Amino acid sequence: MGFRDLTAFNEVLLSKQGWRILTEPNSFVAIVLKAKYFPHIQFLLAKQGHRFSYVWQSIQKASW
Protein backbone atom coordinates (compact mmCIF):
# COMPACT_ATOMS: atom_id res chain seq x y z
CA MET A 1 0.00 0.00 0.00
CA GLY A 2 2.93 2.32 0.43
CA PHE A 3 2.11 4.12 3.68
CA ARG A 4 5.08 6.18 4.75
CA ASP A 5 3.93 7.40 8.15
CA LEU A 6 2.27 4.55 10.04
CA THR A 7 1.62 6.73 13.09
CA ALA A 8 -0.43 9.19 11.04
CA PHE A 9 -2.20 6.34 9.26
CA ASN A 10 -3.08 4.74 12.61
CA GLU A 11 -4.42 8.05 13.92
CA VAL A 12 -6.61 8.42 10.84
CA LEU A 13 -8.07 4.95 11.33
CA LEU A 14 -8.78 5.65 15.01
CA SER A 15 -10.38 8.99 14.16
CA LYS A 16 -12.55 7.18 11.65
CA GLN A 17 -13.77 4.85 14.39
CA GLY A 18 -14.58 7.85 16.58
CA TRP A 19 -16.53 9.40 13.71
CA ARG A 20 -18.35 6.11 13.19
CA ILE A 21 -19.41 6.06 16.86
CA LEU A 22 -20.85 9.55 16.42
CA THR A 23 -22.59 9.02 13.09
CA GLU A 24 -23.71 5.41 13.49
CA PRO A 25 -24.75 5.07 17.15
CA ASN A 26 -26.66 1.84 16.45
CA SER A 27 -23.68 -0.02 14.99
CA PHE A 28 -22.38 -3.01 16.91
CA VAL A 29 -19.06 -1.35 17.73
CA ALA A 30 -20.75 1.82 18.99
CA ILE A 31 -23.19 -0.13 21.17
CA VAL A 32 -20.45 -2.26 22.73
CA LEU A 33 -18.11 0.67 23.41
CA LYS A 34 -20.94 2.81 24.79
CA ALA A 35 -22.06 0.05 27.16
CA LYS A 36 -18.54 -0.44 28.47
CA TYR A 37 -16.99 3.04 28.53
CA PHE A 38 -19.65 5.75 28.47
CA PRO A 39 -23.10 4.32 29.32
CA HIS A 40 -24.61 7.52 30.72
CA ILE A 41 -23.08 10.31 28.62
CA GLN A 42 -22.25 11.21 25.04
CA PHE A 43 -19.08 10.00 23.34
CA LEU A 44 -17.38 13.40 23.17
CA LEU A 45 -18.09 14.05 26.86
CA ALA A 46 -16.63 10.74 28.04
CA LYS A 47 -13.56 11.17 30.20
CA GLN A 48 -10.35 9.24 29.74
CA GLY A 49 -9.56 6.83 32.51
CA HIS A 50 -6.38 5.02 33.39
CA ARG A 51 -8.05 1.60 33.43
CA PHE A 52 -9.59 1.82 29.96
CA SER A 53 -8.31 -0.36 27.14
CA TYR A 54 -5.56 0.86 24.86
CA VAL A 55 -7.96 0.83 21.91
CA TRP A 56 -10.54 3.00 23.68
CA GLN A 57 -7.91 5.45 24.91
CA SER A 58 -6.51 5.69 21.38
CA ILE A 59 -9.95 6.33 19.84
CA GLN A 60 -10.62 9.07 22.37
CA LYS A 61 -7.22 10.67 21.87
CA ALA A 62 -7.59 10.65 18.08
CA SER A 63 -11.10 12.11 18.28
CA TRP A 64 -10.13 15.21 20.25
PDB file of N, CA and C in Angstrom:
ATOM      1  N   MET A   1       0.812  -1.187   0.000  1.00  0.00           N
ATOM      2  CA  MET A   1       0.000   0.000   0.000  1.00  0.00           C
ATOM      3  C   MET A   1       0.861   1.259   0.000  1.00  0.00           C
ATOM      4  N   GLY A   2       2.032   1.190   0.529  1.00  0.00           N
ATOM      5  CA  GLY A   2       2.933   2.319   0.433  1.00  0.00           C
ATOM      6  C   GLY A   2       2.718   3.421   1.449  1.00  0.00           C
ATOM      7  N   PHE A   3       2.290   3.087   2.662  1.00  0.00           N
ATOM      8  CA  PHE A   3       2.113   4.115   3.684  1.00  0.00           C
ATOM      9  C   PHE A   3       3.471   4.480   4.260  1.00  0.00           C
ATOM     10  N   ARG A   4       3.776   5.737   4.280  1.00  0.00           N
ATOM     11  CA  ARG A   4       5.080   6.180   4.748  1.00  0.00           C
ATOM     12  C   ARG A   4       5.081   6.484   6.243  1.00  0.00           C
ATOM     13  N   ASP A   5       4.000   7.022   6.744  1.00  0.00           N
ATOM     14  CA  ASP A   5       3.930   7.395   8.151  1.00  0.00           C
ATOM     15  C   ASP A   5       2.844   6.563   8.828  1.00  0.00           C
ATOM     16  N   LEU A   6       3.240   5.446   9.427  1.00  0.00           N
ATOM     17  CA  LEU A   6       2.269   4.547  10.037  1.00  0.00           C
ATOM     18  C   LEU A   6       1.577   5.169  11.240  1.00  0.00           C
ATOM     19  N   THR A   7       2.247   6.060  11.953  1.00  0.00           N
ATOM     20  CA  THR A   7       1.618   6.729  13.088  1.00  0.00           C
ATOM     21  C   THR A   7       0.454   7.582  12.622  1.00  0.00           C
ATOM     22  N   ALA A   8       0.652   8.349  11.584  1.00  0.00           N
ATOM     23  CA  ALA A   8      -0.426   9.185  11.043  1.00  0.00           C
ATOM     24  C   ALA A   8      -1.549   8.320  10.480  1.00  0.00           C
ATOM     25  N   PHE A   9      -1.201   7.244   9.813  1.00  0.00           N
ATOM     26  CA  PHE A   9      -2.201   6.336   9.261  1.00  0.00           C
ATOM     27  C   PHE A   9      -3.036   5.722  10.379  1.00  0.00           C
ATOM     28  N   ASN A  10      -2.385   5.303  11.463  1.00  0.00           N
ATOM     29  CA  ASN A  10      -3.084   4.736  12.610  1.00  0.00           C
ATOM     30  C   ASN A  10      -4.030   5.763  13.224  1.00  0.00           C
ATOM     31  N   GLU A  11      -3.580   6.998  13.354  1.00  0.00           N
ATOM     32  CA  GLU A  11      -4.421   8.048  13.924  1.00  0.00           C
ATOM     33  C   GLU A  11      -5.651   8.306  13.053  1.00  0.00           C
ATOM     34  N   VAL A  12      -5.475   8.246  11.754  1.00  0.00           N
ATOM     35  CA  VAL A  12      -6.607   8.424  10.839  1.00  0.00           C
ATOM     36  C   VAL A  12      -7.626   7.305  11.031  1.00  0.00           C
ATOM     37  N   LEU A  13      -7.157   6.077  11.137  1.00  0.00           N
ATOM     38  CA  LEU A  13      -8.073   4.953  11.332  1.00  0.00           C
ATOM     39  C   LEU A  13      -8.818   5.062  12.659  1.00  0.00           C
ATOM     40  N   LEU A  14      -8.127   5.484  13.713  1.00  0.00           N
ATOM     41  CA  LEU A  14      -8.777   5.648  15.010  1.00  0.00           C
ATOM     42  C   LEU A  14      -9.780   6.794  14.988  1.00  0.00           C
ATOM     43  N   SER A  15      -9.443   7.867  14.303  1.00  0.00           N
ATOM     44  CA  SER A  15     -10.380   8.986  14.159  1.00  0.00           C
ATOM     45  C   SER A  15     -11.621   8.543  13.404  1.00  0.00           C
ATOM     46  N   LYS A  16     -11.420   7.698  12.421  1.00  0.00           N
ATOM     47  CA  LYS A  16     -12.549   7.181  11.646  1.00  0.00           C
ATOM     48  C   LYS A  16     -13.486   6.370  12.543  1.00  0.00           C
ATOM     49  N   GLN A  17     -12.930   5.605  13.464  1.00  0.00           N
ATOM     50  CA  GLN A  17     -13.767   4.851  14.394  1.00  0.00           C
ATOM     51  C   GLN A  17     -14.538   5.794  15.319  1.00  0.00           C
ATOM     52  N   GLY A  18     -13.888   6.854  15.770  1.00  0.00           N
ATOM     53  CA  GLY A  18     -14.584   7.853  16.584  1.00  0.00           C
ATOM     54  C   GLY A  18     -15.725   8.488  15.818  1.00  0.00           C
ATOM     55  N   TRP A  19     -15.485   8.815  14.555  1.00  0.00           N
ATOM     56  CA  TRP A  19     -16.533   9.396  13.709  1.00  0.00           C
ATOM     57  C   TRP A  19     -17.673   8.401  13.520  1.00  0.00           C
ATOM     58  N   ARG A  20     -17.328   7.137  13.370  1.00  0.00           N
ATOM     59  CA  ARG A  20     -18.353   6.108  13.193  1.00  0.00           C
ATOM     60  C   ARG A  20     -19.219   5.984  14.442  1.00  0.00           C
ATOM     61  N   ILE A  21     -18.629   6.107  15.616  1.00  0.00           N
ATOM     62  CA  ILE A  21     -19.405   6.060  16.861  1.00  0.00           C
ATOM     63  C   ILE A  21     -20.403   7.211  16.890  1.00  0.00           C
ATOM     64  N   LEU A  22     -19.974   8.378  16.427  1.00  0.00           N
ATOM     65  CA  LEU A  22     -20.855   9.551  16.421  1.00  0.00           C
ATOM     66  C   LEU A  22     -21.955   9.463  15.369  1.00  0.00           C
ATOM     67  N   THR A  23     -21.626   8.995  14.189  1.00  0.00           N
ATOM     68  CA  THR A  23     -22.587   9.021  13.087  1.00  0.00           C
ATOM     69  C   THR A  23     -23.428   7.759  12.972  1.00  0.00           C
ATOM     70  N   GLU A  24     -22.969   6.667  13.540  1.00  0.00           N
ATOM     71  CA  GLU A  24     -23.709   5.407  13.490  1.00  0.00           C
ATOM     72  C   GLU A  24     -23.850   4.840  14.902  1.00  0.00           C
ATOM     73  N   PRO A  25     -24.656   5.490  15.755  1.00  0.00           N
ATOM     74  CA  PRO A  25     -24.752   5.066  17.154  1.00  0.00           C
ATOM     75  C   PRO A  25     -25.393   3.691  17.346  1.00  0.00           C
ATOM     76  N   ASN A  26     -26.042   3.155  16.326  1.00  0.00           N
ATOM     77  CA  ASN A  26     -26.661   1.836  16.445  1.00  0.00           C
ATOM     78  C   ASN A  26     -25.801   0.713  15.880  1.00  0.00           C
ATOM     79  N   SER A  27     -24.572   1.032  15.479  1.00  0.00           N
ATOM     80  CA  SER A  27     -23.678  -0.018  14.987  1.00  0.00           C
ATOM     81  C   SER A  27     -23.210  -0.873  16.165  1.00  0.00           C
ATOM     82  N   PHE A  28     -22.815  -2.083  15.862  1.00  0.00           N
ATOM     83  CA  PHE A  28     -22.384  -3.014  16.907  1.00  0.00           C
ATOM     84  C   PHE A  28     -21.225  -2.453  17.723  1.00  0.00           C
ATOM     85  N   VAL A  29     -20.237  -1.906  17.040  1.00  0.00           N
ATOM     86  CA  VAL A  29     -19.061  -1.348  17.727  1.00  0.00           C
ATOM     87  C   VAL A  29     -19.471  -0.211  18.652  1.00  0.00           C
ATOM     88  N   ALA A  30     -20.319   0.686  18.178  1.00  0.00           N
ATOM     89  CA  ALA A  30     -20.752   1.823  18.991  1.00  0.00           C
ATOM     90  C   ALA A  30     -21.527   1.357  20.220  1.00  0.00           C
ATOM     91  N   ILE A  31     -22.395   0.380  20.048  1.00  0.00           N
ATOM     92  CA  ILE A  31     -23.193  -0.126  21.167  1.00  0.00           C
ATOM     93  C   ILE A  31     -22.299  -0.771  22.222  1.00  0.00           C
ATOM     94  N   VAL A  32     -21.344  -1.583  21.790  1.00  0.00           N
ATOM     95  CA  VAL A  32     -20.448  -2.264  22.733  1.00  0.00           C
ATOM     96  C   VAL A  32     -19.577  -1.256  23.480  1.00  0.00           C
ATOM     97  N   LEU A  33     -18.971  -0.315  22.756  1.00  0.00           N
ATOM     98  CA  LEU A  33     -18.109   0.674  23.408  1.00  0.00           C
ATOM     99  C   LEU A  33     -18.900   1.579  24.341  1.00  0.00           C
ATOM    100  N   LYS A  34     -20.105   1.962  23.937  1.00  0.00           N
ATOM    101  CA  LYS A  34     -20.935   2.809  24.794  1.00  0.00           C
ATOM    102  C   LYS A  34     -21.297   2.076  26.083  1.00  0.00           C
ATOM    103  N   ALA A  35     -21.689   0.822  25.973  1.00  0.00           N
ATOM    104  CA  ALA A  35     -22.057   0.048  27.156  1.00  0.00           C
ATOM    105  C   ALA A  35     -20.889  -0.089  28.127  1.00  0.00           C
ATOM    106  N   LYS A  36     -19.696  -0.229  27.602  1.00  0.00           N
ATOM    107  CA  LYS A  36     -18.536  -0.443  28.469  1.00  0.00           C
ATOM    108  C   LYS A  36     -17.921   0.844  29.005  1.00  0.00           C
ATOM    109  N   TYR A  37     -17.798   1.888  28.157  1.00  0.00           N
ATOM    110  CA  TYR A  37     -16.989   3.039  28.533  1.00  0.00           C
ATOM    111  C   TYR A  37     -17.750   4.335  28.802  1.00  0.00           C
ATOM    112  N   PHE A  38     -18.925   4.506  28.220  1.00  0.00           N
ATOM    113  CA  PHE A  38     -19.652   5.751  28.470  1.00  0.00           C
ATOM    114  C   PHE A  38     -21.161   5.512  28.433  1.00  0.00           C
ATOM    115  N   PRO A  39     -21.683   4.700  29.370  1.00  0.00           N
ATOM    116  CA  PRO A  39     -23.098   4.324  29.320  1.00  0.00           C
ATOM    117  C   PRO A  39     -24.079   5.459  29.601  1.00  0.00           C
ATOM    118  N   HIS A  40     -23.659   6.489  30.301  1.00  0.00           N
ATOM    119  CA  HIS A  40     -24.611   7.521  30.718  1.00  0.00           C
ATOM    120  C   HIS A  40     -24.372   8.888  30.087  1.00  0.00           C
ATOM    121  N   ILE A  41     -23.379   9.011  29.230  1.00  0.00           N
ATOM    122  CA  ILE A  41     -23.076  10.309  28.623  1.00  0.00           C
ATOM    123  C   ILE A  41     -22.758  10.136  27.141  1.00  0.00           C
ATOM    124  N   GLN A  42     -22.583  11.246  26.455  1.00  0.00           N
ATOM    125  CA  GLN A  42     -22.247  11.211  25.039  1.00  0.00           C
ATOM    126  C   GLN A  42     -20.761  10.895  24.850  1.00  0.00           C
ATOM    127  N   PHE A  43     -20.451  10.408  23.660  1.00  0.00           N
ATOM    128  CA  PHE A  43     -19.079   9.999  23.340  1.00  0.00           C
ATOM    129  C   PHE A  43     -18.069  11.117  23.564  1.00  0.00           C
ATOM    130  N   LEU A  44     -18.353  12.311  23.064  1.00  0.00           N
ATOM    131  CA  LEU A  44     -17.379  13.403  23.171  1.00  0.00           C
ATOM    132  C   LEU A  44     -17.227  13.930  24.595  1.00  0.00           C
ATOM    133  N   LEU A  45     -18.174  13.611  25.469  1.00  0.00           N
ATOM    134  CA  LEU A  45     -18.090  14.055  26.859  1.00  0.00           C
ATOM    135  C   LEU A  45     -17.458  13.001  27.772  1.00  0.00           C
ATOM    136  N   ALA A  46     -17.218  11.816  27.236  1.00  0.00           N
ATOM    137  CA  ALA A  46     -16.631  10.741  28.038  1.00  0.00           C
ATOM    138  C   ALA A  46     -15.206  11.112  28.445  1.00  0.00           C
ATOM    139  N   LYS A  47     -14.889  10.859  29.688  1.00  0.00           N
ATOM    140  CA  LYS A  47     -13.558  11.172  30.200  1.00  0.00           C
ATOM    141  C   LYS A  47     -12.627   9.984  29.976  1.00  0.00           C
ATOM    142  N   GLN A  48     -11.349  10.298  29.871  1.00  0.00           N
ATOM    143  CA  GLN A  48     -10.354   9.239  29.736  1.00  0.00           C
ATOM    144  C   GLN A  48      -9.998   8.729  31.120  1.00  0.00           C
ATOM    145  N   GLY A  49      -9.931   7.435  31.245  1.00  0.00           N
ATOM    146  CA  GLY A  49      -9.559   6.831  32.509  1.00  0.00           C
ATOM    147  C   GLY A  49      -8.295   6.012  32.359  1.00  0.00           C
ATOM    148  N   HIS A  50      -7.640   5.760  33.456  1.00  0.00           N
ATOM    149  CA  HIS A  50      -6.381   5.020  33.394  1.00  0.00           C
ATOM    150  C   HIS A  50      -6.599   3.513  33.269  1.00  0.00           C
ATOM    151  N   ARG A  51      -7.796   3.033  33.511  1.00  0.00           N
ATOM    152  CA  ARG A  51      -8.054   1.596  33.428  1.00  0.00           C
ATOM    153  C   ARG A  51      -8.766   1.195  32.137  1.00  0.00           C
ATOM    154  N   PHE A  52      -8.942   2.126  31.229  1.00  0.00           N
ATOM    155  CA  PHE A  52      -9.595   1.817  29.964  1.00  0.00           C
ATOM    156  C   PHE A  52      -8.615   1.110  29.039  1.00  0.00           C
ATOM    157  N   SER A  53      -9.164   0.380  28.073  1.00  0.00           N
ATOM    158  CA  SER A  53      -8.314  -0.360  27.139  1.00  0.00           C
ATOM    159  C   SER A  53      -7.500   0.590  26.273  1.00  0.00           C
ATOM    160  N   TYR A  54      -6.425   0.065  25.741  1.00  0.00           N
ATOM    161  CA  TYR A  54      -5.559   0.857  24.864  1.00  0.00           C
ATOM    162  C   TYR A  54      -6.326   1.331  23.635  1.00  0.00           C
ATOM    163  N   VAL A  55      -7.171   0.466  23.096  1.00  0.00           N
ATOM    164  CA  VAL A  55      -7.956   0.826  21.906  1.00  0.00           C
ATOM    165  C   VAL A  55      -8.880   1.995  22.212  1.00  0.00           C
ATOM    166  N   TRP A  56      -9.605   1.923  23.329  1.00  0.00           N
ATOM    167  CA  TRP A  56     -10.535   2.996  23.676  1.00  0.00           C
ATOM    168  C   TRP A  56      -9.789   4.300  23.946  1.00  0.00           C
ATOM    169  N   GLN A  57      -8.695   4.246  24.655  1.00  0.00           N
ATOM    170  CA  GLN A  57      -7.911   5.452  24.914  1.00  0.00           C
ATOM    171  C   GLN A  57      -7.409   6.051  23.605  1.00  0.00           C
ATOM    172  N   SER A  58      -7.012   5.209  22.673  1.00  0.00           N
ATOM    173  CA  SER A  58      -6.511   5.688  21.383  1.00  0.00           C
ATOM    174  C   SER A  58      -7.615   6.329  20.558  1.00  0.00           C
ATOM    175  N   ILE A  59      -8.816   5.738  20.563  1.00  0.00           N
ATOM    176  CA  ILE A  59      -9.948   6.326  19.836  1.00  0.00           C
ATOM    177  C   ILE A  59     -10.278   7.690  20.419  1.00  0.00           C
ATOM    178  N   GLN A  60     -10.324   7.785  21.736  1.00  0.00           N
ATOM    179  CA  GLN A  60     -10.620   9.072  22.369  1.00  0.00           C
ATOM    180  C   GLN A  60      -9.554  10.108  22.042  1.00  0.00           C
ATOM    181  N   LYS A  61      -8.317   9.732  22.135  1.00  0.00           N
ATOM    182  CA  LYS A  61      -7.222  10.665  21.870  1.00  0.00           C
ATOM    183  C   LYS A  61      -7.265  11.163  20.428  1.00  0.00           C
ATOM    184  N   ALA A  62      -7.542  10.275  19.496  1.00  0.00           N
ATOM    185  CA  ALA A  62      -7.591  10.650  18.083  1.00  0.00           C
ATOM    186  C   ALA A  62      -8.814  11.500  17.762  1.00  0.00           C
ATOM    187  N   SER A  63      -9.856  11.382  18.560  1.00  0.00           N
ATOM    188  CA  SER A  63     -11.098  12.108  18.279  1.00  0.00           C
ATOM    189  C   SER A  63     -11.105  13.516  18.844  1.00  0.00           C
ATOM    190  N   TRP A  64     -10.137  13.855  19.663  1.00  0.00           N
ATOM    191  CA  TRP A  64     -10.129  15.210  20.246  1.00  0.00           C
ATOM    192  C   TRP A  64      -9.485  16.112  19.299  1.00  0.00           C
TER     193      TRP A  64
END
